Amino acid sequence: MAEQITGPDGLPSVRGTGRTVRRRTARHTPLPRRPHRARTRTALVAAGLAVIGALGPTSSSALAPSVEGPRPGHHPARFVPGPCPETPEPIPGRCGFLEVPENRTRKHTRTIRTTVAIIPATSAKPAGDPVVFMEGGPGGDAIGAIPFLIASQVNQDRDLIVMTQRGGLYSQPNLACPEMDRFNASAVGMPYDAPSTGRGLVRAAKECRDRLTAEGADLSAYNTTENAADFAALRKALGIQKWNVYGYSYGTDLGLTYLRRHPHGIRSLAIDSVVPPQIVSLPWAWDSAQEGINAIFAACEAQPACKARYPDLSRTLTEQVRRLEANPLKLTVPPPGGGTPVKVVLDGGTLVNLLVTNGQLVPSADVPAALYELAAGNPTRLAQAQAAGATPAIGEFAHGLTHSVACAEWAPGYSKRDVLEAGRRAFPGWPDSVLAHAPQLPFEHDLCRAWNVPDRTGVQRVATHSKVPTLIISGTFDAKTGASWGPFTGRTLPRSTAVVIPGITHWVVPQEPCAASVLRSFLTRPTAPDTGCVAGVVPKPFTITP
């Protein structure tokens, strides 16, 4: 039976026979954060993880490009050495493709490819069990995460394996939706929750869906079950006996599913910014938003300078959400980095979602200042953050995977009314027009009717019970995947250690050296990681304006 305990900071934690570590006292300087391109709406979905010898020949001919694309017919998965993708920072390792059936439930299905990168350990004597990384999203760029994994020294003592998820960037097919990217760019100048905005979003999604299916994509096969089976196939194709799994955000949903369905060969599991498969849903997003935003406000209250300058932040936020929803601001401002001014709309829904982006658009340290500037009639900071979304990276985010997962696994079983009620519980007094839409996934029920994939909640909305050693890492400022869901997930993982890091948002390890140190310690000793540095972490000072 799980036990409810209270940490030294007075915050509740949940643990079973696993343990929860939660502290706040001094803070380390963070590692460079992953540069998040500006994204709006669905691109910011709830909306990071000796093998070289197992790859066979290492001559240049073995890594030559393969001219063979996806083939029809059902055949076992296989690894094919090939060139590394051309990326801004060259990949310091070997690459190839995993070929797998698109839909394992069908006898006749085409073959698809995912790109695999293998980065050698920096140690002269690496351990034999590598680390495999599972990207977030769904639909995120796994290859783009490599520099941040290396900066966090995830490959210090073990080779690091990074595979694109089916449908992601550099996979074949790539389920990118330029139609949705272009809509998202224009949507910065639209009311967030207006019916006309929803119709535009659904129209763009349907255009993408129609194109992908016309190109042969079986969207029902782009789900977490098949995703997990791909990773199981990769381990076997590379001839790896045991490996360690590290995932963040959706990658934790995937990692937990992988552990449940394919436990053989998993030495340890590390999950960062946790999405519990048995809980994740559209209403769930409101719980996480409330927890992350309130944690920022509580941290400000705990800092005398912030408390004095920005009192009663919760009331201020409610007032501004209500004011902007009743009278949206229409502004023309330059993006944060300068350039051509952009027309933007700031309404209540826009304000909430700027906060839920977890520092991608408005740094957490700036949130109190931004709210008080807005209340004083200066919306520039927030307007510029919104303007950043006008220049998205077209085609780099796989919306096709995002909505194939969300519409099959997250949306079913909960009505629009359920989303509204969850919003009302999280933020009493906010307008229903704002609360009717799950943060980061507005109009998702409407979009899912157009996306039209089968309900998979029966096989996916299941807790993972396992005795495999597990490290659970959460950040208190995370408004996408609330920190309390980490210890909650540990209830069915008796050999788990849950670590809650104060003052950190989504994907903790690249932001906080202590978390990276704990992860490396866990990989060395999965049943007894060194969590001592957690006692020295506190939120950094908030921005104080005159």
Protein backbone atom coordinates (compact mmCIF):
# COMPACT_ATOMS: atom_id res chain seq x y z
CA MET A 1 0.00 0.00 0.00
CA ALA A 2 1.38 3.41 -0.96
CA GLU A 3 2.21 5.74 1.87
CA GLN A 4 1.45 9.49 1.91
CA ILE A 5 4.40 11.42 3.32
CA THR A 6 5.38 15.06 3.54
CA GLY A 7 8.78 16.23 2.41
CA PRO A 8 10.99 18.68 4.30
CA ASP A 9 9.52 21.52 2.26
CA GLY A 10 6.02 20.73 3.50
CA LEU A 11 4.92 19.44 0.09
CA PRO A 12 3.16 16.06 -0.04
CA SER A 13 4.87 13.14 -1.70
CA VAL A 14 3.60 9.64 -2.42
CA ARG A 15 5.73 6.55 -2.22
CA GLY A 16 5.44 2.84 -1.91
CA THR A 17 8.44 0.71 -1.16
CA GLY A 18 10.28 3.00 -3.55
CA ARG A 19 11.55 6.28 -2.15
CA THR A 20 10.88 9.93 -2.84
CA VAL A 21 13.59 12.59 -2.56
CA ARG A 22 12.44 16.20 -2.37
CA ARG A 23 14.40 19.17 -1.07
CA ARG A 24 15.06 22.86 -1.46
CA THR A 25 18.01 24.75 -0.10
CA ALA A 26 20.90 26.09 -2.82
CA ARG A 27 20.86 25.83 -6.57
CA HIS A 28 23.37 24.74 -9.19
CA THR A 29 23.96 26.66 -12.41
CA PRO A 30 21.83 24.94 -15.08
CA LEU A 31 23.19 23.30 -18.18
CA PRO A 32 22.31 24.99 -21.47
CA ARG A 33 18.67 24.30 -22.19
CA ARG A 34 17.44 22.72 -25.36
CA PRO A 35 16.43 25.56 -27.71
CA HIS A 36 12.71 25.13 -28.25
CA ARG A 37 11.53 26.60 -31.49
CA ALA A 38 8.47 28.77 -31.04
CA ARG A 39 5.35 26.67 -31.43
CA THR A 40 1.70 27.33 -30.81
CA ARG A 41 -1.44 25.28 -30.26
CA THR A 42 -1.04 21.62 -31.07
CA ALA A 43 2.72 21.81 -31.65
CA LEU A 44 3.23 22.46 -27.94
CA VAL A 45 1.85 19.14 -26.80
CA ALA A 46 2.02 17.67 -23.68
CA ALA A 47 2.89 18.56 -26.62
CA GLY A 48 15.41 12.48 -23.12
CA LEU A 49 17.59 8.39 -23.48
CA ALA A 50 29.99 -2.09 -26.22
CA VAL A 51 26.95 -1.61 -28.82
CA ILE A 52 29.23 -0.47 -31.67
CA GLY A 53 30.58 -3.97 -32.02
CA ALA A 54 27.07 -5.33 -32.39
CA LEU A 55 26.51 -3.27 -35.51
CA GLY A 56 28.68 -5.48 -37.67
CA PRO A 57 31.21 -4.01 -40.13
CA THR A 58 32.46 -0.52 -39.41
CA SER A 59 33.98 0.27 -42.79
CA SER A 60 32.77 3.22 -44.82
CA SER A 61 30.98 0.84 -47.17
CA ALA A 62 28.90 -0.47 -44.28
CA LEU A 63 27.66 3.05 -43.60
CA ALA A 64 26.86 3.87 -47.22
CA PRO A 65 23.39 5.25 -47.98
CA SER A 66 20.73 2.64 -48.58
CA VAL A 67 18.72 3.38 -51.72
CA GLU A 68 15.93 1.01 -50.78
CA GLY A 69 12.86 2.71 -49.32
CA PRO A 70 9.90 1.20 -47.47
CA ARG A 71 8.78 -2.07 -49.03
CA PRO A 72 5.41 -3.80 -49.01
CA GLY A 73 5.02 -7.10 -47.23
CA HIS A 74 5.45 -8.40 -43.68
CA HIS A 75 8.99 -9.39 -42.64
CA PRO A 76 10.98 -9.39 -39.38
CA ALA A 77 12.58 -6.16 -38.21
CA ARG A 78 16.19 -5.60 -39.20
CA PHE A 79 18.87 -2.97 -38.73
CA VAL A 80 20.50 -1.53 -41.85
CA PRO A 81 23.64 0.62 -41.41
CA GLY A 82 23.34 3.96 -43.18
CA PRO A 83 24.30 7.63 -43.14
CA CYS A 84 23.62 9.93 -40.23
CA PRO A 85 21.12 12.74 -40.82
CA GLU A 86 22.61 16.11 -41.65
CA THR A 87 22.08 18.16 -38.51
CA PRO A 88 23.35 21.57 -37.30
CA GLU A 89 25.68 19.71 -34.94
CA PRO A 90 27.12 16.58 -36.64
CA ILE A 91 26.20 13.35 -34.89
CA PRO A 92 29.36 11.97 -33.21
CA GLY A 93 28.67 8.33 -33.91
CA ARG A 94 27.29 5.76 -36.31
CA CYS A 95 23.80 5.60 -37.76
CA GLY A 96 21.44 3.39 -39.66
CA PHE A 97 17.80 2.45 -40.07
CA LEU A 98 15.49 0.04 -38.30
CA GLU A 99 13.07 -1.54 -40.75
CA VAL A 100 9.81 -2.71 -39.17
CA PRO A 101 6.28 -3.59 -40.29
CA GLU A 102 3.98 -0.57 -40.25
CA ASN A 103 1.08 -2.49 -38.70
CA ARG A 104 1.97 -5.69 -36.87
CA THR A 105 -1.69 -6.67 -36.54
CA ARG A 106 -2.02 -7.13 -40.31
CA LYS A 107 -0.50 -9.85 -42.44
CA HIS A 108 0.02 -7.58 -45.41
CA THR A 109 1.54 -4.27 -44.41
CA ARG A 110 4.32 -2.13 -45.78
CA THR A 111 7.75 -1.73 -44.21
CA ILE A 112 8.67 1.58 -42.60
CA ARG A 113 11.98 2.95 -41.34
CA THR A 114 13.15 4.75 -38.25
CA THR A 115 16.58 6.38 -38.04
CA VAL A 116 18.99 5.14 -35.36
CA ALA A 117 22.07 6.96 -34.05
CA ILE A 118 24.66 5.29 -31.80
CA ILE A 119 26.92 7.65 -29.87
CA PRO A 120 29.89 5.97 -28.16
CA ALA A 121 30.57 6.37 -24.46
CA THR A 122 33.21 8.89 -23.48
CA SER A 123 34.71 6.44 -20.96
CA ALA A 124 37.67 4.37 -22.08
CA LYS A 125 36.05 1.32 -20.50
CA PRO A 126 32.27 1.66 -21.04
CA ALA A 127 29.74 -0.64 -19.47
CA GLY A 128 28.23 -3.23 -21.75
CA ASP A 129 24.63 -2.13 -21.28
CA PRO A 130 23.86 1.00 -23.35
CA VAL A 131 21.22 3.67 -22.79
CA VAL A 132 18.37 4.04 -25.26
CA PHE A 133 16.51 7.37 -25.39
CA MET A 134 12.79 7.90 -25.94
CA GLU A 135 11.79 11.36 -27.20
CA GLY A 136 8.74 13.33 -26.11
CA GLY A 137 5.84 14.83 -28.07
CA PRO A 138 4.44 12.58 -29.40
CA GLY A 139 6.10 13.80 -32.58
CA GLY A 140 9.26 15.43 -31.22
CA ASP A 141 12.67 15.40 -32.91
CA ALA A 142 14.69 12.66 -31.19
CA ILE A 143 17.84 13.32 -33.23
CA GLY A 144 17.71 16.99 -32.23
CA ALA A 145 17.93 15.91 -28.58
CA ILE A 146 21.38 14.35 -28.99
CA PRO A 147 23.44 17.49 -28.16
CA PHE A 148 21.53 17.94 -24.91
CA LEU A 149 21.91 14.30 -23.93
CA ILE A 150 25.64 14.56 -24.56
CA ALA A 151 25.84 17.84 -22.61
CA SER A 152 24.15 16.02 -19.72
CA GLN A 153 26.79 13.28 -20.03
CA VAL A 154 24.21 10.55 -20.49
CA ASN A 155 26.85 8.73 -22.56
CA GLN A 156 29.58 9.11 -19.95
CA ASP A 157 29.90 5.41 -19.12
CA ARG A 158 27.59 3.83 -21.70
CA ASP A 159 26.94 4.06 -25.39
CA LEU A 160 23.84 6.13 -26.16
CA ILE A 161 21.27 4.93 -28.69
CA VAL A 162 18.74 7.41 -30.09
CA MET A 163 15.98 6.26 -32.41
CA THR A 164 13.37 8.39 -34.11
CA GLN A 165 9.88 7.21 -33.32
CA ARG A 166 7.78 5.96 -36.21
CA GLY A 167 6.50 8.93 -38.17
CA GLY A 168 8.98 11.37 -36.64
CA LEU A 169 11.55 13.58 -38.35
CA TYR A 170 14.11 11.52 -40.33
CA SER A 171 11.83 8.47 -40.33
CA GLN A 172 10.15 7.03 -43.43
CA PRO A 173 7.40 8.04 -43.68
CA ASN A 174 7.62 11.36 -41.87
CA LEU A 175 4.19 12.32 -40.51
CA ALA A 176 4.92 16.04 -40.49
CA CYS A 177 1.99 18.36 -41.19
CA PRO A 178 3.15 21.57 -42.89
CA GLU A 179 -0.54 22.38 -43.23
CA MET A 180 -0.82 22.59 -39.45
CA ASP A 181 2.50 24.41 -39.07
CA ARG A 182 1.28 27.14 -41.42
CA PHE A 183 -2.03 27.39 -39.59
CA ASN A 184 -0.25 27.63 -36.23
CA ALA A 185 1.88 30.47 -37.58
CA SER A 186 -1.22 32.43 -38.59
CA ALA A 187 -3.09 31.54 -35.40
CA VAL A 188 -0.94 33.89 -33.28
CA GLY A 189 -3.20 36.63 -34.66
CA MET A 190 -6.46 34.80 -33.89
CA PRO A 191 -8.51 34.50 -30.70
CA TYR A 192 -7.34 31.32 -29.00
CA ASP A 193 -10.71 29.70 -28.38
CA ALA A 194 -12.93 31.28 -31.06
CA PRO A 195 -15.01 28.74 -33.04
CA SER A 196 -13.51 30.12 -36.24
CA THR A 197 -10.03 29.33 -34.93
CA GLY A 198 -11.13 25.79 -34.15
CA ARG A 199 -12.55 25.34 -37.63
CA GLY A 200 -9.27 26.49 -39.14
CA LEU A 201 -7.29 24.09 -36.98
CA VAL A 202 -9.53 21.14 -37.85
CA ARG A 203 -9.43 22.03 -41.53
CA ALA A 204 -5.61 22.06 -41.50
CA ALA A 205 -5.52 18.73 -39.64
CA LYS A 206 -7.92 17.13 -42.11
CA GLU A 207 -5.84 18.36 -45.04
CA CYS A 208 -2.80 16.74 -43.47
CA ARG A 209 -4.65 13.53 -42.70
CA ASP A 210 -6.02 13.25 -46.22
CA ARG A 211 -2.56 13.77 -47.69
CA LEU A 212 -0.87 11.26 -45.37
CA THR A 213 -3.44 8.57 -46.02
CA ALA A 214 -3.29 9.22 -49.77
CA GLU A 215 0.46 8.65 -49.51
CA GLY A 216 -0.24 5.25 -47.93
CA ALA A 217 0.12 5.92 -44.21
CA ASP A 218 -1.95 3.65 -41.96
CA LEU A 219 -2.51 6.18 -39.18
CA SER A 220 -4.03 3.55 -36.88
CA ALA A 221 -0.56 1.97 -36.67
CA TYR A 222 1.08 5.09 -35.23
CA ASN A 223 0.41 4.37 -31.58
CA THR A 224 2.28 3.63 -28.38
CA THR A 225 1.90 -0.15 -28.69
CA GLU A 226 3.62 -0.21 -32.07
CA ASN A 227 6.15 2.37 -30.90
CA ALA A 228 7.12 0.14 -27.96
CA ALA A 229 7.38 -2.88 -30.25
CA ASP A 230 9.81 -0.92 -32.45
CA PHE A 231 12.17 -0.41 -29.50
CA ALA A 232 11.91 -4.07 -28.55
CA ALA A 233 12.77 -4.95 -32.16
CA LEU A 234 15.74 -2.55 -32.11
CA ARG A 235 17.30 -4.22 -29.07
CA LYS A 236 17.08 -7.62 -30.74
CA ALA A 237 18.26 -6.32 -34.12
CA LEU A 238 21.39 -4.84 -32.50
CA GLY A 239 22.06 -8.02 -30.54
CA ILE A 240 21.90 -6.25 -27.16
CA GLN A 241 21.29 -8.46 -24.14
CA LYS A 242 20.46 -5.70 -21.63
CA TRP A 243 19.99 -1.97 -21.92
CA ASN A 244 18.78 0.99 -19.91
CA VAL A 245 15.83 3.10 -21.04
CA TYR A 246 15.61 6.87 -20.54
CA GLY A 247 12.58 8.84 -21.72
CA TYR A 248 10.99 12.21 -21.07
CA SER A 249 7.44 13.54 -21.45
CA TYR A 250 5.60 11.28 -23.94
CA GLY A 251 8.76 9.19 -23.85
CA THR A 252 7.80 8.25 -20.28
CA ASP A 253 4.37 7.07 -21.43
CA LEU A 254 6.19 5.07 -24.09
CA GLY A 255 8.87 3.84 -21.67
CA LEU A 256 6.31 2.61 -19.14
CA THR A 257 4.35 0.91 -21.91
CA TYR A 258 7.54 -0.67 -23.22
CA LEU A 259 8.40 -1.96 -19.73
CA ARG A 260 4.90 -3.41 -19.35
CA ARG A 261 4.74 -5.09 -22.75
CA HIS A 262 8.41 -5.97 -23.39
CA PRO A 263 10.14 -6.33 -20.00
CA HIS A 264 12.86 -8.70 -21.19
CA GLY A 265 16.23 -7.04 -21.64
CA ILE A 266 15.49 -3.91 -19.60
CA ARG A 267 18.13 -3.38 -16.90
CA SER A 268 16.65 -0.09 -15.67
CA LEU A 269 14.14 2.61 -16.61
CA ALA A 270 14.54 6.36 -16.04
CA ILE A 271 11.51 8.58 -16.68
CA ASP A 272 11.69 12.37 -16.67
CA SER A 273 8.57 14.61 -16.58
CA VAL A 274 6.13 11.77 -16.23
CA VAL A 275 3.04 11.01 -18.32
CA PRO A 276 1.38 8.01 -16.60
CA PRO A 277 -0.35 5.92 -19.32
CA GLN A 278 -3.17 4.95 -16.96
CA ILE A 279 -4.00 8.60 -16.22
CA VAL A 280 -3.12 10.75 -19.23
CA SER A 281 -6.18 12.32 -20.84
CA LEU A 282 -7.38 15.72 -21.94
CA PRO A 283 -8.83 16.62 -18.48
CA TRP A 284 -5.52 15.54 -16.89
CA ALA A 285 -3.80 18.47 -18.61
CA TRP A 286 -5.68 20.94 -16.36
CA ASP A 287 -4.39 19.21 -13.21
CA SER A 288 -0.81 19.57 -14.39
CA ALA A 289 -1.31 23.20 -15.45
CA GLN A 290 -2.66 24.06 -12.02
CA GLU A 291 0.19 22.31 -10.21
CA GLY A 292 2.98 23.88 -12.26
CA ILE A 293 1.58 27.43 -12.25
CA ASN A 294 0.81 27.32 -8.54
CA ALA A 295 4.32 26.05 -7.82
CA ILE A 296 5.77 29.13 -9.55
CA PHE A 297 3.52 31.38 -7.47
CA ALA A 298 4.49 29.57 -4.25
CA ALA A 299 8.18 29.93 -5.08
CA CYS A 300 7.71 33.67 -5.59
CA GLU A 301 5.94 33.87 -2.25
CA ALA A 302 8.96 32.17 -0.64
CA GLN A 303 11.40 34.79 -1.97
CA PRO A 304 11.02 38.06 0.00
CA ALA A 305 11.85 40.35 -2.93
CA CYS A 306 9.40 38.59 -5.23
CA LYS A 307 6.70 38.44 -2.58
CA ALA A 308 7.02 42.16 -1.89
CA ARG A 309 7.00 43.18 -5.55
CA TYR A 310 4.39 40.70 -6.82
CA PRO A 311 1.88 39.85 -4.08
CA ASP A 312 -1.18 37.67 -4.70
CA LEU A 313 -0.17 36.31 -8.08
CA SER A 314 -3.07 33.84 -8.20
CA ARG A 315 -5.61 36.64 -7.97
CA THR A 316 -3.70 38.71 -10.52
CA LEU A 317 -3.67 35.82 -12.99
CA THR A 318 -7.41 35.23 -12.60
CA GLU A 319 -8.12 38.93 -13.11
CA GLN A 320 -6.01 39.07 -16.26
CA VAL A 321 -7.46 35.90 -17.75
CA ARG A 322 -10.96 37.26 -17.21
CA ARG A 323 -10.07 40.72 -18.52
CA LEU A 324 -8.36 39.49 -21.67
CA GLU A 325 -11.08 36.98 -22.42
CA ALA A 326 -13.71 39.73 -22.23
CA ASN A 327 -11.60 42.26 -24.15
CA PRO A 328 -8.77 40.67 -26.14
CA LEU A 329 -5.77 42.83 -27.01
CA LYS A 330 -4.80 43.14 -30.67
CA LEU A 331 -1.19 44.22 -31.04
CA THR A 332 1.60 44.44 -33.59
CA VAL A 333 4.98 43.64 -32.08
CA PRO A 334 8.39 42.38 -33.25
CA PRO A 335 9.27 38.78 -32.31
CA PRO A 336 11.61 38.33 -29.30
CA GLY A 337 14.71 38.29 -31.49
CA GLY A 338 13.63 41.30 -33.55
CA GLY A 339 12.52 41.40 -37.15
CA THR A 340 9.29 42.21 -38.95
CA PRO A 341 6.48 43.08 -36.52
CA VAL A 342 3.75 40.46 -36.17
CA LYS A 343 0.04 40.89 -35.49
CA VAL A 344 -0.96 39.00 -32.36
CA VAL A 345 -4.05 38.54 -30.22
CA LEU A 346 -3.80 38.21 -26.45
CA ASP A 347 -6.91 36.73 -24.89
CA GLY A 348 -7.47 34.60 -21.80
CA GLY A 349 -6.69 31.31 -23.52
CA THR A 350 -3.52 32.70 -25.07
CA LEU A 351 -2.29 33.90 -21.68
CA VAL A 352 -2.84 30.52 -20.05
CA ASN A 353 -1.09 28.63 -22.82
CA LEU A 354 1.89 30.99 -22.79
CA LEU A 355 2.36 29.99 -19.15
CA VAL A 356 1.90 26.28 -19.84
CA THR A 357 4.70 26.25 -22.41
CA ASN A 358 7.06 25.79 -19.46
CA GLY A 359 9.55 28.52 -20.18
CA GLN A 360 9.74 27.89 -23.92
CA LEU A 361 8.10 31.26 -24.61
CA VAL A 362 7.96 32.96 -21.20
CA PRO A 363 10.80 31.93 -18.84
CA SER A 364 9.48 30.84 -15.46
CA ALA A 365 11.62 33.46 -13.73
CA ASP A 366 9.79 36.16 -15.73
CA VAL A 367 6.23 34.98 -15.07
CA PRO A 368 5.48 37.23 -12.05
CA ALA A 369 6.94 40.28 -13.79
CA ALA A 370 5.04 39.52 -17.01
CA LEU A 371 1.71 39.25 -15.17
CA TYR A 372 2.21 42.50 -13.27
CA GLU A 373 3.35 44.31 -16.41
CA LEU A 374 0.20 43.11 -18.13
CA ALA A 375 -1.96 44.28 -15.24
CA ALA A 376 -0.27 47.70 -15.42
CA GLY A 377 -1.07 48.06 -19.10
CA ASN A 378 2.22 46.83 -20.56
CA PRO A 379 1.61 43.56 -22.45
CA THR A 380 4.82 43.74 -24.52
CA ARG A 381 6.65 40.83 -22.89
CA LEU A 382 3.73 38.46 -23.39
CA ALA A 383 2.86 39.80 -26.85
CA GLN A 384 6.41 39.23 -28.06
CA ALA A 385 6.34 35.70 -26.69
CA GLN A 386 3.16 35.10 -28.68
CA ALA A 387 4.76 36.61 -31.79
CA ALA A 388 7.52 34.00 -31.63
CA GLY A 389 4.98 31.44 -32.82
CA ALA A 390 4.62 33.20 -36.17
CA THR A 391 7.84 31.58 -37.44
CA PRO A 392 7.60 27.86 -36.68
CA ALA A 393 9.95 25.25 -38.08
CA ILE A 394 7.85 23.96 -40.97
CA GLY A 395 7.80 20.18 -41.21
CA GLU A 396 9.98 19.36 -38.21
CA PHE A 397 7.28 18.33 -35.76
CA ALA A 398 5.33 15.16 -36.58
CA HIS A 399 1.76 16.27 -35.90
CA GLY A 400 0.62 13.07 -37.58
CA LEU A 401 2.09 11.04 -34.75
CA THR A 402 0.85 13.54 -32.16
CA HIS A 403 -2.79 13.22 -33.09
CA SER A 404 -2.70 9.53 -33.95
CA VAL A 405 -1.64 8.95 -30.33
CA ALA A 406 -3.75 11.68 -28.69
CA CYS A 407 -6.93 10.75 -30.56
CA ALA A 408 -6.54 7.02 -29.90
CA GLU A 409 -5.19 7.04 -26.34
CA TRP A 410 -5.84 10.37 -24.61
CA ALA A 411 -9.12 11.80 -25.89
CA PRO A 412 -11.48 8.79 -25.82
CA GLY A 413 -13.62 8.21 -22.77
CA TYR A 414 -13.76 11.85 -21.73
CA SER A 415 -16.25 14.37 -23.08
CA LYS A 416 -15.92 18.07 -23.69
CA ARG A 417 -17.89 18.49 -20.46
CA ASP A 418 -15.25 16.49 -18.58
CA VAL A 419 -12.53 18.84 -19.82
CA LEU A 420 -14.57 21.86 -18.72
CA GLU A 421 -15.25 20.42 -15.27
CA ALA A 422 -11.57 19.61 -14.79
CA GLY A 423 -10.72 23.20 -15.72
CA ARG A 424 -13.26 24.55 -13.28
CA ARG A 425 -11.78 22.47 -10.47
CA ALA A 426 -8.27 23.60 -11.31
CA PHE A 427 -9.00 27.31 -11.77
CA PRO A 428 -12.32 28.36 -10.19
CA GLY A 429 -13.59 31.68 -11.48
CA TRP A 430 -12.00 31.50 -14.90
CA PRO A 431 -14.24 31.89 -17.97
CA ASP A 432 -15.71 28.67 -19.34
CA SER A 433 -14.55 29.66 -22.82
CA VAL A 434 -10.96 29.23 -21.59
CA LEU A 435 -11.55 26.16 -19.46
CA ALA A 436 -13.35 24.27 -22.23
CA HIS A 437 -10.03 23.53 -23.97
CA ALA A 438 -7.28 21.31 -22.60
CA PRO A 439 -4.03 23.30 -22.40
CA GLN A 440 -1.91 22.78 -25.53
CA LEU A 441 -4.63 20.68 -27.20
CA PRO A 442 -7.51 23.04 -28.01
CA PHE A 443 -10.44 21.73 -30.06
CA GLU A 444 -8.95 18.24 -29.79
CA HIS A 445 -12.32 16.48 -29.71
CA ASP A 446 -13.26 18.19 -32.96
CA LEU A 447 -9.88 17.44 -34.48
CA CYS A 448 -10.12 13.78 -33.46
CA ARG A 449 -13.41 13.35 -35.28
CA ALA A 450 -11.61 14.40 -38.45
CA TRP A 451 -8.47 12.38 -37.64
CA ASN A 452 -10.56 9.22 -37.21
CA VAL A 453 -8.33 6.61 -35.59
CA PRO A 454 -9.60 3.70 -33.44
CA ASP A 455 -9.95 3.98 -29.66
CA ARG A 456 -6.98 2.24 -28.04
CA THR A 457 -7.59 3.13 -24.38
CA GLY A 458 -8.46 -0.47 -23.51
CA VAL A 459 -4.91 -1.65 -24.20
CA GLN A 460 -3.07 1.57 -23.37
CA ARG A 461 -4.70 3.15 -20.31
CA VAL A 462 -3.03 0.61 -18.01
CA ALA A 463 -0.64 1.05 -15.07
CA THR A 464 2.80 -0.54 -15.27
CA HIS A 465 3.67 -2.93 -12.44
CA SER A 466 7.31 -3.91 -12.40
CA LYS A 467 10.25 -4.65 -10.11
CA VAL A 468 12.75 -3.28 -12.64
CA PRO A 469 14.72 -0.46 -10.91
CA THR A 470 13.21 2.85 -11.96
CA LEU A 471 14.29 6.47 -11.52
CA ILE A 472 11.48 9.03 -11.61
CA ILE A 473 12.46 12.69 -12.12
CA SER A 474 10.05 15.62 -11.95
CA GLY A 475 10.32 19.41 -11.84
CA THR A 476 8.07 21.48 -9.59
CA PHE A 477 7.51 24.20 -12.23
CA ASP A 478 6.35 21.71 -14.86
CA ALA A 479 2.89 22.80 -16.03
CA LYS A 480 2.62 20.09 -18.69
CA THR A 481 3.32 17.03 -16.57
CA GLY A 482 2.79 18.02 -12.96
CA ALA A 483 5.46 16.96 -10.46
CA SER A 484 3.08 14.90 -8.32
CA TRP A 485 2.54 12.42 -11.16
CA GLY A 486 6.08 11.14 -10.74
CA PRO A 487 5.65 9.75 -7.22
CA PHE A 488 2.13 8.65 -8.20
CA THR A 489 3.58 6.49 -10.94
CA GLY A 490 6.05 5.01 -8.47
CA ARG A 491 3.21 3.41 -6.50
CA THR A 492 3.29 0.38 -8.80
CA LEU A 493 7.08 0.35 -9.18
CA PRO A 494 8.36 -0.94 -5.82
CA ARG A 495 12.04 -0.54 -6.76
CA SER A 496 11.65 3.07 -7.80
CA THR A 497 13.29 6.26 -6.57
CA ALA A 498 11.29 9.46 -7.18
CA VAL A 499 13.23 12.73 -7.26
CA VAL A 500 11.42 16.08 -7.34
CA ILE A 501 13.61 19.03 -8.38
CA PRO A 502 12.42 22.51 -7.29
CA GLY A 503 12.26 25.34 -9.80
CA ILE A 504 12.61 23.26 -12.97
CA THR A 505 10.12 22.90 -15.80
CA HIS A 506 9.65 20.20 -18.44
CA TRP A 507 12.52 17.76 -19.23
CA VAL A 508 14.54 18.18 -16.08
CA VAL A 509 17.90 16.53 -16.80
CA PRO A 510 19.24 19.01 -19.41
CA GLN A 511 18.25 21.95 -17.19
CA GLU A 512 19.70 20.89 -13.87
CA PRO A 513 23.20 19.38 -13.34
CA CYS A 514 22.04 17.73 -10.12
CA ALA A 515 19.34 15.81 -12.00
CA ALA A 516 21.89 14.78 -14.63
CA SER A 517 24.20 13.60 -11.84
CA VAL A 518 21.40 11.57 -10.25
CA LEU A 519 20.64 9.95 -13.61
CA ARG A 520 24.29 8.97 -14.15
CA SER A 521 24.46 7.60 -10.61
CA PHE A 522 21.29 5.61 -11.24
CA LEU A 523 22.72 4.10 -14.40
CA THR A 524 25.72 2.94 -12.37
CA ARG A 525 23.69 1.71 -9.36
CA PRO A 526 20.00 1.42 -10.33
CA THR A 527 18.91 0.28 -6.88
CA ALA A 528 20.91 2.89 -4.94
CA PRO A 529 21.38 6.14 -6.89
CA ASP A 530 23.16 9.05 -5.20
CA THR A 531 20.48 11.71 -4.66
CA GLY A 532 22.48 13.82 -2.19
CA CYS A 533 22.75 16.86 -4.47
CA VAL A 534 18.96 17.32 -4.47
CA ALA A 535 19.25 18.88 -1.02
CA GLY A 536 21.13 21.81 -2.55
CA VAL A 537 18.63 22.85 -5.21
CA VAL A 538 16.25 25.82 -4.93
CA PRO A 539 14.43 27.90 -7.55
CA LYS A 540 16.57 30.68 -8.94
CA PRO A 541 15.58 34.30 -8.13
CA PHE A 542 12.66 35.72 -10.06
CA THR A 543 12.98 38.75 -12.31
CA ILE A 544 12.25 41.92 -10.35
CA THR A 545 11.33 44.97 -12.45
CA PRO A 546 11.26 48.57 -11.20
